[in-house]
Structure formats: structure tokens, C-alpha cells
Amino acid sequence: MYKSSIVLSSIEAVKKFVTLTNKYNFPINLSTEKYKIDAKSIMGIFSLDLSKPLQIEVDDSDTGGQNPEEFIQQLAQFQRVQVSSKA
């Protein structure tokens, strides 16, 4: 099981994310403090509070022959970049 945090800050980001998740057969979920939804559902994603980071869970135990590492690498575009400031 792979877990990480992502940010979907725009409608375009949500569309791009759903298109990506639907290319893979293995289970992918998004969760918040209160809810857990199928990450392949655009309506489910829009029901979440997108102003906060979302937890993504990839079940890599039954990949159906697909490589979850490829998907995980593509998640980098949705992960929050932390910028440190020097005072």
C-alpha cells in the first residue's frame, strides 16, 4: 500500500488527475479526515474539500499486471512543493 499527500487546486488539476487514475486498473482512493472516495470518480473528488491536501492510497497488492511505480512517479505533479523562506 502506497500513501502520500496531494493537492488538487483547480478544476484542470482534478480533470488531469482523474484522467491519469482511470488509466490504471488497481484501486486508488482519496481520503480526508471524514471521507474516503474512489479517486477515479470526478464527482467524488468534487465532493471533497479541495482547499486542503488529500491523502492518496494506492493498493498495489492486485495490480492486474500494471506497474504502480509508473503511476506513483506521475503523482509528483500533484504533490505540494514546500518552499522554505530565509529571513
Foldseek 3Di string as FASTA:
>chain_A
DDKDKFAQPDPVSLVVQLVLVVVFDFFKWKDDPPDIDGSNDSVVVVVDDRVDIIMMDTDPPCRVPDDVVVSVVVRVVGHDDDDDDDD
